[in-house]
Amino acid sequence: MNIFLKLKHWQLFVLQTVIPIVLEIIVIVIMAVSNNFSLMRVFFPFIMILFMGTFFGWFYAMGKNLNKKLPDTVKMSLAKFQWFLIIPIVYMIFLVVFMPAINKSPNPIAFIYIIPAHLFSMFCIFYCLYFVAKSFKAVELQRPVTFSDYAGEFFLLWFYPVGVWIIQPKVNKMFGD
């Protein structure tokens, strides 16, 4: 996973954004030309796993390695971060695998479970954004930080296609690139 810490910003952007979008466009064009819309069921899980692997892999690499560099005055639970990172991954894999079955025979009861799971998964992703942003800024400043100190990093990570261009060069410097 440490490879994500060594990648240049443009390489990470290509992996996280460009390749999934290009693959999606290719699948849409093929579906339109061949009039075979079932291709989306085949390629969507692959594209989603590619995106999730790079996005959450980047978060995991940053969270785990930044936690090692935290100053002694800052304590953050790496185990909690790891659990909160696993939950959205499991949830998204569950959706990719079972959503076609749910779409074939919609059951309102399924949504009673999906909506809270979705909201909790979103909460977990926001916690991971918080953890990485706070760790990043605490390592950078070598002191305890408040939200106003790391708010910029939080939003840059949230809007990662833009943030990767600003965050990743700093990550490269922190980890000796």
N, C-alpha and C. Protein backbone atom coordinates (compact mmCIF):
# COMPACT_ATOMS: atom_id res chain seq x y z
N MET A 1 0.80 -1.21 0.00
CA MET A 1 0.00 0.00 0.00
C MET A 1 0.84 1.27 0.00
N ASN A 2 2.09 1.16 0.41
CA ASN A 2 2.93 2.35 0.47
C ASN A 2 3.23 2.93 -0.91
N ILE A 3 2.90 2.18 -1.95
CA ILE A 3 3.11 2.70 -3.31
C ILE A 3 2.29 3.98 -3.52
N PHE A 4 1.13 4.09 -2.86
CA PHE A 4 0.30 5.28 -3.00
C PHE A 4 1.00 6.52 -2.45
N LEU A 5 1.92 6.34 -1.52
CA LEU A 5 2.65 7.47 -0.95
C LEU A 5 3.76 7.95 -1.87
N LYS A 6 4.18 7.10 -2.78
CA LYS A 6 5.28 7.42 -3.69
C LYS A 6 4.81 7.94 -5.05
N LEU A 7 3.54 7.69 -5.39
CA LEU A 7 3.03 8.13 -6.68
C LEU A 7 3.01 9.65 -6.78
N LYS A 8 3.28 10.14 -7.96
CA LYS A 8 3.14 11.58 -8.22
C LYS A 8 1.65 11.91 -8.28
N HIS A 9 1.35 13.19 -8.10
CA HIS A 9 -0.06 13.61 -8.09
C HIS A 9 -0.78 13.26 -9.38
N TRP A 10 -0.12 13.40 -10.51
CA TRP A 10 -0.78 13.12 -11.78
C TRP A 10 -0.99 11.62 -11.96
N GLN A 11 -0.08 10.79 -11.45
CA GLN A 11 -0.25 9.35 -11.54
C GLN A 11 -1.45 8.89 -10.71
N LEU A 12 -1.56 9.45 -9.51
CA LEU A 12 -2.68 9.11 -8.65
C LEU A 12 -4.00 9.58 -9.26
N PHE A 13 -3.99 10.77 -9.86
CA PHE A 13 -5.18 11.30 -10.51
C PHE A 13 -5.62 10.40 -11.67
N VAL A 14 -4.66 9.93 -12.46
CA VAL A 14 -4.98 9.04 -13.57
C VAL A 14 -5.58 7.74 -13.05
N LEU A 15 -4.99 7.17 -12.00
CA LEU A 15 -5.51 5.92 -11.43
C LEU A 15 -6.90 6.09 -10.82
N GLN A 16 -7.10 7.18 -10.08
CA GLN A 16 -8.36 7.37 -9.36
C GLN A 16 -9.49 7.92 -10.21
N THR A 17 -9.16 8.71 -11.20
CA THR A 17 -10.21 9.44 -11.91
C THR A 17 -10.25 9.13 -13.41
N VAL A 18 -9.13 9.29 -14.08
CA VAL A 18 -9.12 9.20 -15.54
C VAL A 18 -9.45 7.79 -16.03
N ILE A 19 -8.78 6.79 -15.51
CA ILE A 19 -9.00 5.42 -15.98
C ILE A 19 -10.45 4.98 -15.75
N PRO A 20 -11.03 5.16 -14.53
CA PRO A 20 -12.45 4.77 -14.38
C PRO A 20 -13.40 5.52 -15.31
N ILE A 21 -13.16 6.80 -15.52
CA ILE A 21 -14.04 7.57 -16.41
C ILE A 21 -13.90 7.10 -17.86
N VAL A 22 -12.68 6.87 -18.30
CA VAL A 22 -12.46 6.40 -19.67
C VAL A 22 -13.10 5.02 -19.86
N LEU A 23 -12.93 4.13 -18.88
CA LEU A 23 -13.56 2.81 -18.98
C LEU A 23 -15.08 2.93 -19.04
N GLU A 24 -15.63 3.81 -18.25
CA GLU A 24 -17.08 4.03 -18.24
C GLU A 24 -17.56 4.54 -19.61
N ILE A 25 -16.83 5.47 -20.18
CA ILE A 25 -17.19 6.01 -21.50
C ILE A 25 -17.12 4.91 -22.56
N ILE A 26 -16.07 4.09 -22.50
CA ILE A 26 -15.92 2.99 -23.46
C ILE A 26 -17.10 2.03 -23.35
N VAL A 27 -17.47 1.67 -22.13
CA VAL A 27 -18.60 0.75 -21.94
C VAL A 27 -19.89 1.37 -22.46
N ILE A 28 -20.10 2.64 -22.20
CA ILE A 28 -21.33 3.31 -22.66
C ILE A 28 -21.37 3.34 -24.19
N VAL A 29 -20.25 3.64 -24.83
CA VAL A 29 -20.21 3.67 -26.30
C VAL A 29 -20.48 2.27 -26.86
N ILE A 30 -19.84 1.26 -26.28
CA ILE A 30 -20.06 -0.11 -26.74
C ILE A 30 -21.52 -0.51 -26.57
N MET A 31 -22.12 -0.14 -25.43
CA MET A 31 -23.53 -0.45 -25.19
C MET A 31 -24.43 0.24 -26.21
N ALA A 32 -24.12 1.50 -26.51
CA ALA A 32 -24.94 2.26 -27.45
C ALA A 32 -24.83 1.68 -28.86
N VAL A 33 -23.62 1.30 -29.25
CA VAL A 33 -23.42 0.76 -30.59
C VAL A 33 -24.02 -0.63 -30.73
N SER A 34 -23.80 -1.47 -29.73
CA SER A 34 -24.27 -2.86 -29.82
C SER A 34 -25.70 -3.05 -29.33
N ASN A 35 -26.25 -2.01 -28.71
CA ASN A 35 -27.60 -2.08 -28.14
C ASN A 35 -27.71 -3.21 -27.11
N ASN A 36 -26.60 -3.45 -26.39
CA ASN A 36 -26.54 -4.49 -25.37
C ASN A 36 -26.28 -3.81 -24.03
N PHE A 37 -27.35 -3.54 -23.30
CA PHE A 37 -27.23 -2.79 -22.06
C PHE A 37 -26.88 -3.66 -20.85
N SER A 38 -26.78 -4.95 -21.06
CA SER A 38 -26.38 -5.83 -19.96
C SER A 38 -24.87 -5.75 -19.71
N LEU A 39 -24.13 -5.14 -20.60
CA LEU A 39 -22.69 -4.99 -20.40
C LEU A 39 -22.37 -4.20 -19.13
N MET A 40 -23.27 -3.30 -18.77
CA MET A 40 -23.03 -2.48 -17.57
C MET A 40 -22.95 -3.37 -16.33
N ARG A 41 -23.76 -4.42 -16.28
CA ARG A 41 -23.72 -5.33 -15.13
C ARG A 41 -22.39 -6.06 -15.03
N VAL A 42 -21.74 -6.26 -16.17
CA VAL A 42 -20.46 -6.96 -16.18
C VAL A 42 -19.32 -6.01 -15.83
N PHE A 43 -19.33 -4.82 -16.42
CA PHE A 43 -18.19 -3.93 -16.27
C PHE A 43 -18.28 -2.99 -15.07
N PHE A 44 -19.48 -2.66 -14.63
CA PHE A 44 -19.62 -1.74 -13.51
C PHE A 44 -18.91 -2.23 -12.25
N PRO A 45 -19.07 -3.50 -11.85
CA PRO A 45 -18.34 -3.96 -10.65
C PRO A 45 -16.82 -3.83 -10.81
N PHE A 46 -16.31 -4.13 -11.98
CA PHE A 46 -14.87 -4.00 -12.22
C PHE A 46 -14.42 -2.55 -12.08
N ILE A 47 -15.16 -1.63 -12.67
CA ILE A 47 -14.82 -0.21 -12.59
C ILE A 47 -14.93 0.29 -11.15
N MET A 48 -15.96 -0.16 -10.45
CA MET A 48 -16.16 0.25 -9.06
C MET A 48 -15.03 -0.25 -8.17
N ILE A 49 -14.61 -1.49 -8.36
CA ILE A 49 -13.52 -2.06 -7.56
C ILE A 49 -12.21 -1.34 -7.87
N LEU A 50 -11.98 -1.00 -9.13
CA LEU A 50 -10.79 -0.23 -9.49
C LEU A 50 -10.78 1.12 -8.78
N PHE A 51 -11.91 1.82 -8.82
CA PHE A 51 -12.01 3.12 -8.16
C PHE A 51 -11.84 2.97 -6.65
N MET A 52 -12.58 2.03 -6.06
CA MET A 52 -12.52 1.84 -4.60
C MET A 52 -11.12 1.43 -4.16
N GLY A 53 -10.49 0.57 -4.92
CA GLY A 53 -9.16 0.11 -4.57
C GLY A 53 -8.15 1.24 -4.51
N THR A 54 -8.21 2.12 -5.49
CA THR A 54 -7.25 3.23 -5.49
C THR A 54 -7.62 4.29 -4.46
N PHE A 55 -8.89 4.62 -4.36
CA PHE A 55 -9.31 5.67 -3.43
C PHE A 55 -9.09 5.26 -1.98
N PHE A 56 -9.63 4.11 -1.60
CA PHE A 56 -9.48 3.66 -0.22
C PHE A 56 -8.06 3.18 0.07
N GLY A 57 -7.38 2.68 -0.94
CA GLY A 57 -5.97 2.31 -0.76
C GLY A 57 -5.11 3.53 -0.44
N TRP A 58 -5.38 4.63 -1.11
CA TRP A 58 -4.68 5.89 -0.85
C TRP A 58 -4.96 6.37 0.57
N PHE A 59 -6.24 6.31 0.95
CA PHE A 59 -6.61 6.71 2.31
C PHE A 59 -5.94 5.83 3.35
N TYR A 60 -5.95 4.52 3.12
CA TYR A 60 -5.35 3.59 4.08
C TYR A 60 -3.85 3.85 4.20
N ALA A 61 -3.18 4.01 3.08
CA ALA A 61 -1.74 4.25 3.11
C ALA A 61 -1.42 5.55 3.85
N MET A 62 -2.19 6.59 3.58
CA MET A 62 -1.94 7.86 4.27
C MET A 62 -2.26 7.74 5.75
N GLY A 63 -3.43 7.20 6.09
CA GLY A 63 -3.84 7.10 7.49
C GLY A 63 -2.88 6.29 8.32
N LYS A 64 -2.50 5.13 7.81
CA LYS A 64 -1.61 4.24 8.56
C LYS A 64 -0.23 4.85 8.74
N ASN A 65 0.33 5.41 7.68
CA ASN A 65 1.69 5.93 7.75
C ASN A 65 1.78 7.30 8.42
N LEU A 66 0.76 8.12 8.27
CA LEU A 66 0.75 9.40 8.98
C LEU A 66 0.60 9.17 10.48
N ASN A 67 -0.16 8.14 10.86
CA ASN A 67 -0.34 7.84 12.27
C ASN A 67 0.99 7.53 12.95
N LYS A 68 1.90 6.90 12.22
CA LYS A 68 3.23 6.58 12.76
C LYS A 68 4.05 7.84 13.01
N LYS A 69 3.77 8.90 12.27
CA LYS A 69 4.56 10.13 12.37
C LYS A 69 3.92 11.19 13.27
N LEU A 70 2.78 10.86 13.87
CA LEU A 70 2.11 11.84 14.73
C LEU A 70 3.00 12.22 15.91
N PRO A 71 2.95 13.49 16.30
CA PRO A 71 3.70 13.88 17.51
C PRO A 71 3.10 13.19 18.73
N ASP A 72 3.89 13.07 19.79
CA ASP A 72 3.44 12.38 21.00
C ASP A 72 2.23 13.04 21.65
N THR A 73 2.01 14.31 21.38
CA THR A 73 0.89 15.04 21.99
C THR A 73 -0.44 14.78 21.29
N VAL A 74 -0.40 14.11 20.14
CA VAL A 74 -1.63 13.83 19.38
C VAL A 74 -1.88 12.33 19.39
N LYS A 75 -3.01 11.93 19.92
CA LYS A 75 -3.39 10.51 19.97
C LYS A 75 -4.65 10.30 19.11
N MET A 76 -4.53 9.41 18.15
CA MET A 76 -5.66 9.06 17.29
C MET A 76 -5.69 7.55 17.14
N SER A 77 -6.87 6.97 17.14
CA SER A 77 -7.03 5.52 17.09
C SER A 77 -6.93 4.99 15.66
N LEU A 78 -5.82 4.33 15.38
CA LEU A 78 -5.62 3.73 14.06
C LEU A 78 -6.60 2.57 13.85
N ALA A 79 -6.88 1.82 14.90
CA ALA A 79 -7.81 0.69 14.78
C ALA A 79 -9.21 1.17 14.40
N LYS A 80 -9.66 2.25 15.01
CA LYS A 80 -10.98 2.82 14.68
C LYS A 80 -11.00 3.27 13.22
N PHE A 81 -9.93 3.92 12.78
CA PHE A 81 -9.82 4.35 11.39
C PHE A 81 -9.92 3.15 10.45
N GLN A 82 -9.20 2.09 10.77
CA GLN A 82 -9.21 0.91 9.91
C GLN A 82 -10.59 0.27 9.85
N TRP A 83 -11.29 0.19 10.98
CA TRP A 83 -12.65 -0.35 10.97
C TRP A 83 -13.58 0.53 10.16
N PHE A 84 -13.46 1.83 10.34
CA PHE A 84 -14.34 2.74 9.62
C PHE A 84 -14.00 2.80 8.14
N LEU A 85 -12.83 2.38 7.75
CA LEU A 85 -12.46 2.29 6.34
C LEU A 85 -12.99 0.99 5.73
N ILE A 86 -13.01 -0.07 6.50
CA ILE A 86 -13.48 -1.37 6.00
C ILE A 86 -14.99 -1.36 5.77
N ILE A 87 -15.73 -0.69 6.62
CA ILE A 87 -17.20 -0.71 6.54
C ILE A 87 -17.71 -0.21 5.19
N PRO A 88 -17.28 0.96 4.66
CA PRO A 88 -17.78 1.37 3.35
C PRO A 88 -17.33 0.43 2.22
N ILE A 89 -16.17 -0.17 2.37
CA ILE A 89 -15.70 -1.11 1.34
C ILE A 89 -16.62 -2.32 1.30
N VAL A 90 -16.92 -2.88 2.46
CA VAL A 90 -17.82 -4.04 2.52
C VAL A 90 -19.20 -3.65 2.01
N TYR A 91 -19.68 -2.49 2.40
CA TYR A 91 -21.00 -2.03 1.97
C TYR A 91 -21.06 -1.88 0.45
N MET A 92 -20.03 -1.27 -0.14
CA MET A 92 -20.03 -1.07 -1.60
C MET A 92 -19.92 -2.40 -2.34
N ILE A 93 -19.12 -3.32 -1.82
CA ILE A 93 -19.04 -4.65 -2.45
C ILE A 93 -20.40 -5.34 -2.36
N PHE A 94 -21.05 -5.23 -1.21
CA PHE A 94 -22.39 -5.79 -1.04
C PHE A 94 -23.34 -5.21 -2.09
N LEU A 95 -23.32 -3.90 -2.27
CA LEU A 95 -24.21 -3.27 -3.26
C LEU A 95 -23.91 -3.73 -4.67
N VAL A 96 -22.63 -3.80 -5.01
CA VAL A 96 -22.25 -4.20 -6.37
C VAL A 96 -22.71 -5.63 -6.65
N VAL A 97 -22.61 -6.48 -5.64
CA VAL A 97 -22.97 -7.89 -5.83
C VAL A 97 -24.49 -8.09 -5.81
N PHE A 98 -25.18 -7.44 -4.87
CA PHE A 98 -26.60 -7.73 -4.67
C PHE A 98 -27.56 -6.74 -5.32
N MET A 99 -27.09 -5.61 -5.79
CA MET A 99 -28.00 -4.63 -6.39
C MET A 99 -28.71 -5.17 -7.63
N PRO A 100 -28.06 -5.94 -8.49
CA PRO A 100 -28.84 -6.48 -9.63
C PRO A 100 -30.03 -7.33 -9.18
N ALA A 101 -29.85 -8.11 -8.13
CA ALA A 101 -30.96 -8.93 -7.63
C ALA A 101 -32.06 -8.06 -7.04
N ILE A 102 -31.67 -7.00 -6.33
CA ILE A 102 -32.65 -6.08 -5.75
C ILE A 102 -33.40 -5.35 -6.85
N ASN A 103 -32.71 -4.99 -7.94
CA ASN A 103 -33.36 -4.29 -9.05
C ASN A 103 -34.33 -5.19 -9.80
N LYS A 104 -34.04 -6.49 -9.87
CA LYS A 104 -34.94 -7.41 -10.60
C LYS A 104 -36.27 -7.58 -9.88
N SER A 105 -36.22 -7.68 -8.57
CA SER A 105 -37.46 -7.81 -7.80
C SER A 105 -37.39 -6.85 -6.61
N PRO A 106 -37.76 -5.58 -6.84
CA PRO A 106 -37.66 -4.59 -5.77
C PRO A 106 -38.51 -4.98 -4.56
N ASN A 107 -37.92 -4.84 -3.41
CA ASN A 107 -38.60 -5.16 -2.17
C ASN A 107 -38.45 -3.96 -1.24
N PRO A 108 -39.54 -3.33 -0.86
CA PRO A 108 -39.44 -2.15 0.00
C PRO A 108 -38.73 -2.42 1.32
N ILE A 109 -38.81 -3.65 1.79
CA ILE A 109 -38.15 -3.98 3.06
C ILE A 109 -36.64 -3.90 2.91
N ALA A 110 -36.12 -4.20 1.73
CA ALA A 110 -34.68 -4.11 1.50
C ALA A 110 -34.17 -2.69 1.75
N PHE A 111 -34.99 -1.71 1.40
CA PHE A 111 -34.57 -0.33 1.59
C PHE A 111 -34.55 0.08 3.06
N ILE A 112 -35.28 -0.63 3.89
CA ILE A 112 -35.23 -0.37 5.33
C ILE A 112 -33.83 -0.67 5.86
N TYR A 113 -33.16 -1.63 5.24
CA TYR A 113 -31.80 -1.98 5.62
C TYR A 113 -30.76 -1.16 4.86
N ILE A 114 -31.04 -0.91 3.60
CA ILE A 114 -30.05 -0.21 2.76
C ILE A 114 -29.86 1.24 3.19
N ILE A 115 -30.93 1.95 3.49
CA ILE A 115 -30.81 3.37 3.84
C ILE A 115 -29.96 3.59 5.09
N PRO A 116 -30.21 2.91 6.21
CA PRO A 116 -29.32 3.11 7.37
C PRO A 116 -27.88 2.66 7.09
N ALA A 117 -27.72 1.57 6.34
CA ALA A 117 -26.37 1.10 6.00
C ALA A 117 -25.66 2.14 5.15
N HIS A 118 -26.40 2.74 4.22
CA HIS A 118 -25.81 3.77 3.37
C HIS A 118 -25.40 4.99 4.20
N LEU A 119 -26.27 5.42 5.08
CA LEU A 119 -25.96 6.59 5.92
C LEU A 119 -24.77 6.30 6.85
N PHE A 120 -24.72 5.10 7.42
CA PHE A 120 -23.58 4.75 8.27
C PHE A 120 -22.29 4.67 7.46
N SER A 121 -22.38 4.14 6.25
CA SER A 121 -21.21 4.08 5.37
C SER A 121 -20.71 5.49 5.05
N MET A 122 -21.63 6.41 4.81
CA MET A 122 -21.25 7.81 4.56
C MET A 122 -20.56 8.40 5.79
N PHE A 123 -21.11 8.12 6.98
CA PHE A 123 -20.49 8.59 8.21
C PHE A 123 -19.06 8.06 8.33
N CYS A 124 -18.87 6.79 8.02
CA CYS A 124 -17.54 6.18 8.10
C CYS A 124 -16.57 6.86 7.14
N ILE A 125 -17.03 7.17 5.95
CA ILE A 125 -16.17 7.86 4.98
C ILE A 125 -15.80 9.24 5.49
N PHE A 126 -16.75 9.95 6.07
CA PHE A 126 -16.44 11.27 6.64
C PHE A 126 -15.46 11.15 7.81
N TYR A 127 -15.60 10.10 8.61
CA TYR A 127 -14.64 9.90 9.69
C TYR A 127 -13.23 9.67 9.12
N CYS A 128 -13.14 8.90 8.05
CA CYS A 128 -11.84 8.65 7.43
C CYS A 128 -11.25 9.94 6.85
N LEU A 129 -12.10 10.78 6.26
CA LEU A 129 -11.64 12.09 5.79
C LEU A 129 -11.08 12.90 6.96
N TYR A 130 -11.82 12.92 8.06
CA TYR A 130 -11.40 13.63 9.26
C TYR A 130 -10.07 13.08 9.77
N PHE A 131 -9.95 11.76 9.87
CA PHE A 131 -8.76 11.13 10.42
C PHE A 131 -7.53 11.48 9.59
N VAL A 132 -7.64 11.32 8.28
CA VAL A 132 -6.49 11.57 7.40
C VAL A 132 -6.14 13.06 7.40
N ALA A 133 -7.14 13.92 7.31
CA ALA A 133 -6.87 15.36 7.29
C ALA A 133 -6.22 15.83 8.59
N LYS A 134 -6.75 15.37 9.72
CA LYS A 134 -6.20 15.78 11.01
C LYS A 134 -4.79 15.22 11.19
N SER A 135 -4.59 13.95 10.83
CA SER A 135 -3.25 13.35 10.93
C SER A 135 -2.26 14.09 10.03
N PHE A 136 -2.70 14.39 8.82
CA PHE A 136 -1.84 15.08 7.85
C PHE A 136 -1.36 16.42 8.42
N LYS A 137 -2.30 17.18 8.92
CA LYS A 137 -1.95 18.52 9.42
C LYS A 137 -1.14 18.42 10.72
N ALA A 138 -1.46 17.48 11.59
CA ALA A 138 -0.71 17.31 12.83
C ALA A 138 0.74 16.91 12.54
N VAL A 139 0.94 16.07 11.56
CA VAL A 139 2.31 15.69 11.17
C VAL A 139 3.02 16.88 10.56
N GLU A 140 2.32 17.62 9.73
CA GLU A 140 2.92 18.78 9.07
C GLU A 140 3.32 19.85 10.09
N LEU A 141 2.45 20.11 11.07
CA LEU A 141 2.72 21.18 12.05
C LEU A 141 3.43 20.66 13.31
N GLN A 142 3.41 19.36 13.51
CA GLN A 142 4.02 18.72 14.69
C GLN A 142 3.47 19.28 16.01
N ARG A 143 2.15 19.41 16.05
CA ARG A 143 1.46 19.85 17.26
C ARG A 143 -0.01 19.44 17.16
N PRO A 144 -0.74 19.48 18.28
CA PRO A 144 -2.19 19.21 18.20
C PRO A 144 -2.87 20.27 17.33
N VAL A 145 -3.87 19.85 16.58
CA VAL A 145 -4.55 20.75 15.65
C VAL A 145 -6.05 20.79 15.93
N THR A 146 -6.67 21.88 15.54
CA THR A 146 -8.12 22.02 15.62
C THR A 146 -8.68 21.94 14.20
N PHE A 147 -10.01 21.87 14.09
CA PHE A 147 -10.63 21.76 12.77
C PHE A 147 -10.24 22.92 11.87
N SER A 148 -10.12 24.11 12.43
CA SER A 148 -9.76 25.25 11.59
C SER A 148 -8.36 25.08 10.99
N ASP A 149 -7.50 24.31 11.65
CA ASP A 149 -6.16 24.05 11.11
C ASP A 149 -6.21 23.09 9.92
N TYR A 150 -7.07 22.09 9.99
CA TYR A 150 -7.08 21.07 8.93
C TYR A 150 -8.33 21.09 8.06
N ALA A 151 -9.15 22.11 8.16
CA ALA A 151 -10.37 22.19 7.34
C ALA A 151 -10.05 22.17 5.85
N GLY A 152 -9.00 22.86 5.45
CA GLY A 152 -8.61 22.88 4.03
C GLY A 152 -8.29 21.49 3.52
N GLU A 153 -7.51 20.74 4.29
CA GLU A 153 -7.15 19.38 3.89
C GLU A 153 -8.38 18.48 3.88
N PHE A 154 -9.28 18.67 4.84
CA PHE A 154 -10.51 17.88 4.90
C PHE A 154 -11.30 18.04 3.60
N PHE A 155 -11.50 19.28 3.17
CA PHE A 155 -12.28 19.52 1.96
C PHE A 155 -11.52 19.12 0.70
N LEU A 156 -10.20 19.25 0.71
CA LEU A 156 -9.42 18.80 -0.44
C LEU A 156 -9.50 17.27 -0.59
N LEU A 157 -9.50 16.56 0.53
CA LEU A 157 -9.65 15.11 0.46
C LEU A 157 -11.07 14.73 0.04
N TRP A 158 -12.04 15.48 0.51
CA TRP A 158 -13.44 15.22 0.15
C TRP A 158 -13.63 15.38 -1.36
N PHE A 159 -13.09 16.43 -1.91
CA PHE A 159 -13.18 16.69 -3.35
C PHE A 159 -11.86 16.28 -3.99
N TYR A 160 -11.57 14.97 -3.85
CA TYR A 160 -10.28 14.42 -4.19
C TYR A 160 -9.79 14.67 -5.61
N PRO A 161 -10.63 14.78 -6.64
CA PRO A 161 -10.03 15.01 -7.95
C PRO A 161 -9.23 16.32 -8.00
N VAL A 162 -9.64 17.29 -7.20
CA VAL A 162 -8.88 18.55 -7.10
C VAL A 162 -7.82 18.42 -6.02
N GLY A 163 -8.21 17.85 -4.90
CA GLY A 163 -7.32 17.76 -3.74
C GLY A 163 -6.07 16.94 -3.96
N VAL A 164 -6.16 15.92 -4.80
CA VAL A 164 -5.00 15.07 -5.03
C VAL A 164 -3.83 15.88 -5.61
N TRP A 165 -4.14 16.92 -6.36
CA TRP A 165 -3.09 17.75 -6.96
C TRP A 165 -2.37 18.59 -5.90
N ILE A 166 -3.02 18.85 -4.79
CA ILE A 166 -2.42 19.68 -3.73
C ILE A 166 -1.89 18.81 -2.60
N ILE A 167 -2.63 17.78 -2.22
CA ILE A 167 -2.24 16.93 -1.08
C ILE A 167 -1.07 16.01 -1.44
N GLN A 168 -1.13 15.35 -2.58
CA GLN A 168 -0.13 14.33 -2.90
C GLN A 168 1.30 14.85 -2.98
N PRO A 169 1.57 16.04 -3.54
CA PRO A 169 2.96 16.52 -3.51
C PRO A 169 3.48 16.70 -2.06
N LYS A 170 2.60 17.11 -1.16
CA LYS A 170 3.00 17.25 0.24
C LYS A 170 3.25 15.88 0.87
N VAL A 171 2.42 14.90 0.50
CA VAL A 171 2.60 13.54 0.98
C VAL A 171 3.95 13.00 0.49
N ASN A 172 4.27 13.26 -0.79
CA ASN A 172 5.56 12.84 -1.32
C ASN A 172 6.72 13.41 -0.53
N LYS A 173 6.63 14.67 -0.14
CA LYS A 173 7.70 15.30 0.65
C LYS A 173 7.78 14.68 2.05
N MET A 174 6.63 14.42 2.66
CA MET A 174 6.61 13.85 4.01
C MET A 174 7.25 12.47 4.06
N PHE A 175 7.07 11.72 2.99
CA PHE A 175 7.56 10.34 2.97
C PHE A 175 8.78 10.17 2.11
N GLY A 176 9.51 11.26 1.92
CA GLY A 176 10.84 11.19 1.32
C GLY A 176 10.93 10.89 -0.14
N ASP A 177 10.05 11.47 -0.94
CA ASP A 177 10.15 11.27 -2.38
C ASP A 177 11.10 12.28 -2.98
